[in-house]
Amino acid sequence: MTDDDSILIEQFEAKIRRLMDLYNDVKLRNSRLIQEIEARNGEIRQLREEVSSLRESYLNLKQSKVLEVSGHDIDATKRRVSGLVREIDHCIELLNV
């Protein structure tokens, strides 16, 4: 083997080692990014559950405010309840069609 051949082999080995180092770096970064994505997905899932819970609470509060009765607006509350009952009956009729 000549000196030129051994130099070429050494350069080739150095480039292969560098390529392997780069591969390992990318593999490590990819692993970290996957973990970060999984953590973010968990956060998103938790926030969606929280939003759903808050929406349900909001709707319950909104419905309770509609049905809230104070001393001077009992008639208005009765009208609201009657309107809600009519709306529910209408929805039931539409479902039965």
N, C-alpha and C. Protein backbone atom coordinates (compact mmCIF):
# COMPACT_ATOMS: atom_id res chain seq x y z
N MET A 1 0.84 -1.16 0.00
CA MET A 1 0.00 0.00 0.00
C MET A 1 0.90 1.24 0.00
N THR A 2 0.54 2.21 -0.81
CA THR A 2 1.36 3.41 -0.92
C THR A 2 0.93 4.43 0.12
N ASP A 3 1.73 5.45 0.24
CA ASP A 3 1.42 6.52 1.19
C ASP A 3 0.12 7.24 0.80
N ASP A 4 -0.09 7.42 -0.48
CA ASP A 4 -1.32 8.07 -0.95
C ASP A 4 -2.55 7.24 -0.55
N ASP A 5 -2.43 5.95 -0.68
CA ASP A 5 -3.56 5.07 -0.31
C ASP A 5 -3.84 5.15 1.19
N SER A 6 -2.80 5.14 1.98
CA SER A 6 -3.01 5.19 3.44
C SER A 6 -3.58 6.54 3.86
N ILE A 7 -3.16 7.62 3.19
CA ILE A 7 -3.72 8.94 3.47
C ILE A 7 -5.20 8.97 3.11
N LEU A 8 -5.52 8.42 1.96
CA LEU A 8 -6.92 8.36 1.54
C LEU A 8 -7.76 7.54 2.53
N ILE A 9 -7.24 6.44 2.99
CA ILE A 9 -7.97 5.59 3.94
C ILE A 9 -8.17 6.34 5.26
N GLU A 10 -7.13 7.03 5.73
CA GLU A 10 -7.24 7.80 6.96
C GLU A 10 -8.29 8.92 6.82
N GLN A 11 -8.28 9.59 5.69
CA GLN A 11 -9.26 10.64 5.44
C GLN A 11 -10.67 10.06 5.39
N PHE A 12 -10.79 8.92 4.75
CA PHE A 12 -12.07 8.24 4.66
C PHE A 12 -12.57 7.84 6.05
N GLU A 13 -11.68 7.28 6.88
CA GLU A 13 -12.03 6.89 8.24
C GLU A 13 -12.46 8.11 9.07
N ALA A 14 -11.74 9.22 8.89
CA ALA A 14 -12.07 10.45 9.62
C ALA A 14 -13.45 10.95 9.22
N LYS A 15 -13.73 10.91 7.92
CA LYS A 15 -15.04 11.35 7.44
C LYS A 15 -16.15 10.43 7.93
N ILE A 16 -15.88 9.13 7.97
CA ILE A 16 -16.87 8.16 8.48
C ILE A 16 -17.14 8.43 9.97
N ARG A 17 -16.08 8.66 10.76
CA ARG A 17 -16.25 8.97 12.18
C ARG A 17 -17.06 10.25 12.36
N ARG A 18 -16.75 11.24 11.55
CA ARG A 18 -17.50 12.52 11.62
C ARG A 18 -18.97 12.29 11.26
N LEU A 19 -19.21 11.49 10.24
CA LEU A 19 -20.57 11.18 9.82
C LEU A 19 -21.31 10.43 10.93
N MET A 20 -20.62 9.51 11.60
CA MET A 20 -21.24 8.77 12.70
C MET A 20 -21.55 9.69 13.88
N ASP A 21 -20.65 10.64 14.16
CA ASP A 21 -20.89 11.61 15.22
C ASP A 21 -22.11 12.48 14.90
N LEU A 22 -22.18 12.93 13.66
CA LEU A 22 -23.33 13.73 13.24
C LEU A 22 -24.63 12.93 13.34
N TYR A 23 -24.58 11.67 12.94
CA TYR A 23 -25.73 10.79 13.03
C TYR A 23 -26.19 10.65 14.48
N ASN A 24 -25.25 10.43 15.39
CA ASN A 24 -25.59 10.29 16.81
C ASN A 24 -26.18 11.58 17.37
N ASP A 25 -25.63 12.73 16.94
CA ASP A 25 -26.17 14.01 17.38
C ASP A 25 -27.61 14.20 16.90
N VAL A 26 -27.85 13.88 15.66
CA VAL A 26 -29.20 14.01 15.10
C VAL A 26 -30.16 13.03 15.78
N LYS A 27 -29.68 11.83 16.04
CA LYS A 27 -30.51 10.83 16.71
C LYS A 27 -30.88 11.30 18.11
N LEU A 28 -29.94 11.87 18.85
CA LEU A 28 -30.20 12.40 20.18
C LEU A 28 -31.18 13.56 20.13
N ARG A 29 -30.97 14.46 19.20
CA ARG A 29 -31.88 15.62 19.05
C ARG A 29 -33.28 15.14 18.69
N ASN A 30 -33.38 14.17 17.82
CA ASN A 30 -34.67 13.61 17.43
C ASN A 30 -35.38 13.01 18.64
N SER A 31 -34.65 12.30 19.46
CA SER A 31 -35.21 11.70 20.67
C SER A 31 -35.74 12.78 21.61
N ARG A 32 -34.97 13.83 21.79
CA ARG A 32 -35.41 14.95 22.64
C ARG A 32 -36.66 15.61 22.08
N LEU A 33 -36.68 15.80 20.77
CA LEU A 33 -37.85 16.43 20.15
C LEU A 33 -39.09 15.56 20.29
N ILE A 34 -38.93 14.26 20.17
CA ILE A 34 -40.06 13.35 20.35
C ILE A 34 -40.59 13.44 21.77
N GLN A 35 -39.70 13.50 22.76
CA GLN A 35 -40.13 13.64 24.14
C GLN A 35 -40.85 14.96 24.35
N GLU A 36 -40.35 16.02 23.74
CA GLU A 36 -40.98 17.33 23.86
C GLU A 36 -42.37 17.31 23.23
N ILE A 37 -42.50 16.66 22.08
CA ILE A 37 -43.79 16.56 21.41
C ILE A 37 -44.78 15.79 22.28
N GLU A 38 -44.33 14.70 22.88
CA GLU A 38 -45.20 13.91 23.75
C GLU A 38 -45.64 14.73 24.95
N ALA A 39 -44.73 15.52 25.52
CA ALA A 39 -45.08 16.38 26.65
C ALA A 39 -46.09 17.43 26.22
N ARG A 40 -45.88 18.02 25.07
CA ARG A 40 -46.82 19.04 24.57
C ARG A 40 -48.19 18.42 24.28
N ASN A 41 -48.19 17.21 23.71
CA ASN A 41 -49.46 16.54 23.45
C ASN A 41 -50.21 16.26 24.75
N GLY A 42 -49.48 15.88 25.79
CA GLY A 42 -50.10 15.68 27.10
C GLY A 42 -50.68 16.97 27.64
N GLU A 43 -49.93 18.07 27.47
CA GLU A 43 -50.42 19.38 27.89
C GLU A 43 -51.68 19.76 27.12
N ILE A 44 -51.66 19.55 25.82
CA ILE A 44 -52.81 19.88 24.98
C ILE A 44 -54.02 19.07 25.40
N ARG A 45 -53.82 17.78 25.65
CA ARG A 45 -54.91 16.91 26.07
C ARG A 45 -55.50 17.40 27.39
N GLN A 46 -54.63 17.76 28.33
CA GLN A 46 -55.08 18.26 29.62
C GLN A 46 -55.84 19.58 29.47
N LEU A 47 -55.32 20.48 28.64
CA LEU A 47 -55.99 21.76 28.43
C LEU A 47 -57.33 21.59 27.73
N ARG A 48 -57.42 20.65 26.81
CA ARG A 48 -58.70 20.39 26.15
C ARG A 48 -59.73 19.88 27.15
N GLU A 49 -59.30 18.99 28.05
CA GLU A 49 -60.20 18.50 29.07
C GLU A 49 -60.66 19.64 29.98
N GLU A 50 -59.73 20.52 30.30
CA GLU A 50 -60.07 21.67 31.14
C GLU A 50 -61.04 22.60 30.43
N VAL A 51 -60.81 22.84 29.15
CA VAL A 51 -61.72 23.69 28.37
C VAL A 51 -63.11 23.06 28.32
N SER A 52 -63.15 21.76 28.11
CA SER A 52 -64.44 21.06 28.06
C SER A 52 -65.17 21.19 29.39
N SER A 53 -64.44 21.02 30.48
CA SER A 53 -65.03 21.13 31.81
C SER A 53 -65.53 22.56 32.06
N LEU A 54 -64.72 23.53 31.66
CA LEU A 54 -65.12 24.93 31.84
C LEU A 54 -66.33 25.29 30.99
N ARG A 55 -66.40 24.75 29.78
CA ARG A 55 -67.57 25.00 28.93
C ARG A 55 -68.83 24.43 29.57
N GLU A 56 -68.69 23.21 30.10
CA GLU A 56 -69.84 22.58 30.75
C GLU A 56 -70.27 23.41 31.97
N SER A 57 -69.31 23.86 32.75
CA SER A 57 -69.63 24.70 33.91
C SER A 57 -70.29 26.00 33.47
N TYR A 58 -69.77 26.58 32.40
CA TYR A 58 -70.34 27.82 31.89
C TYR A 58 -71.79 27.62 31.44
N LEU A 59 -72.03 26.53 30.71
CA LEU A 59 -73.40 26.27 30.26
C LEU A 59 -74.33 26.04 31.44
N ASN A 60 -73.85 25.32 32.45
CA ASN A 60 -74.67 25.10 33.65
C ASN A 60 -74.97 26.42 34.35
N LEU A 61 -73.96 27.27 34.45
CA LEU A 61 -74.16 28.58 35.07
C LEU A 61 -75.12 29.43 34.27
N LYS A 62 -74.96 29.37 32.95
CA LYS A 62 -75.84 30.14 32.07
C LYS A 62 -77.29 29.68 32.22
N GLN A 63 -77.49 28.36 32.28
CA GLN A 63 -78.84 27.83 32.44
C GLN A 63 -79.40 28.19 33.81
N SER A 64 -78.56 28.18 34.83
CA SER A 64 -79.06 28.52 36.16
C SER A 64 -79.43 29.99 36.23
N LYS A 65 -78.71 30.83 35.49
CA LYS A 65 -79.05 32.26 35.47
C LYS A 65 -80.39 32.48 34.76
N VAL A 66 -80.67 31.67 33.75
CA VAL A 66 -81.95 31.78 33.04
C VAL A 66 -83.09 31.44 33.99
N LEU A 67 -82.85 30.46 34.83
CA LEU A 67 -83.90 30.00 35.73
C LEU A 67 -83.89 30.70 37.08
N GLU A 68 -82.97 31.62 37.27
CA GLU A 68 -82.86 32.32 38.55
C GLU A 68 -84.13 33.12 38.82
N VAL A 69 -84.62 32.96 40.01
CA VAL A 69 -85.88 33.63 40.37
C VAL A 69 -85.61 34.62 41.49
N SER A 70 -85.99 35.85 41.23
CA SER A 70 -85.95 36.84 42.30
C SER A 70 -87.38 37.25 42.60
N GLY A 71 -87.58 37.93 43.69
CA GLY A 71 -88.93 38.25 44.14
C GLY A 71 -89.77 39.03 43.13
N HIS A 72 -89.22 39.92 42.39
CA HIS A 72 -90.02 40.81 41.53
C HIS A 72 -90.17 40.32 40.09
N ASP A 73 -89.42 39.32 39.67
CA ASP A 73 -89.57 38.89 38.27
C ASP A 73 -89.97 37.42 38.15
N ILE A 74 -90.87 36.99 38.99
CA ILE A 74 -91.38 35.62 38.91
C ILE A 74 -92.12 35.40 37.59
N ASP A 75 -92.90 36.39 37.17
CA ASP A 75 -93.64 36.25 35.91
C ASP A 75 -92.67 36.15 34.72
N ALA A 76 -91.62 36.95 34.73
CA ALA A 76 -90.63 36.89 33.65
C ALA A 76 -89.94 35.53 33.65
N THR A 77 -89.66 34.99 34.82
CA THR A 77 -89.03 33.68 34.91
C THR A 77 -89.96 32.60 34.40
N LYS A 78 -91.24 32.71 34.74
CA LYS A 78 -92.23 31.74 34.24
C LYS A 78 -92.29 31.79 32.72
N ARG A 79 -92.22 33.00 32.16
CA ARG A 79 -92.23 33.12 30.70
C ARG A 79 -90.98 32.49 30.10
N ARG A 80 -89.85 32.70 30.74
CA ARG A 80 -88.60 32.09 30.24
C ARG A 80 -88.69 30.57 30.27
N VAL A 81 -89.19 30.04 31.38
CA VAL A 81 -89.32 28.59 31.50
C VAL A 81 -90.29 28.06 30.46
N SER A 82 -91.41 28.75 30.27
CA SER A 82 -92.38 28.33 29.25
C SER A 82 -91.75 28.36 27.86
N GLY A 83 -90.97 29.40 27.60
CA GLY A 83 -90.28 29.48 26.32
C GLY A 83 -89.29 28.34 26.14
N LEU A 84 -88.57 28.00 27.19
CA LEU A 84 -87.65 26.88 27.12
C LEU A 84 -88.38 25.57 26.87
N VAL A 85 -89.50 25.40 27.54
CA VAL A 85 -90.30 24.18 27.36
C VAL A 85 -90.81 24.09 25.92
N ARG A 86 -91.28 25.22 25.38
CA ARG A 86 -91.75 25.23 23.98
C ARG A 86 -90.60 24.90 23.03
N GLU A 87 -89.44 25.45 23.31
CA GLU A 87 -88.28 25.18 22.46
C GLU A 87 -87.89 23.70 22.53
N ILE A 88 -87.92 23.12 23.72
CA ILE A 88 -87.62 21.70 23.88
C ILE A 88 -88.65 20.85 23.15
N ASP A 89 -89.95 21.22 23.28
CA ASP A 89 -91.00 20.48 22.57
C ASP A 89 -90.79 20.56 21.07
N HIS A 90 -90.41 21.73 20.58
CA HIS A 90 -90.15 21.90 19.15
C HIS A 90 -89.00 21.00 18.70
N CYS A 91 -87.94 20.94 19.51
CA CYS A 91 -86.80 20.09 19.17
C CYS A 91 -87.21 18.62 19.15
N ILE A 92 -88.03 18.22 20.11
CA ILE A 92 -88.51 16.84 20.15
C ILE A 92 -89.35 16.52 18.91
N GLU A 93 -90.18 17.46 18.52
CA GLU A 93 -90.99 17.26 17.29
C GLU A 93 -90.08 17.08 16.07
N LEU A 94 -89.03 17.90 16.00
CA LEU A 94 -88.10 17.79 14.86
C LEU A 94 -87.38 16.45 14.87
N LEU A 95 -87.07 15.94 16.04
CA LEU A 95 -86.40 14.64 16.14
C LEU A 95 -87.33 13.51 15.74
N ASN A 96 -88.60 13.65 16.00
CA ASN A 96 -89.56 12.60 15.70
C ASN A 96 -89.96 12.56 14.23
N VAL A 97 -89.62 13.57 13.50
CA VAL A 97 -90.00 13.62 12.09
C VAL A 97 -89.16 12.67 11.27
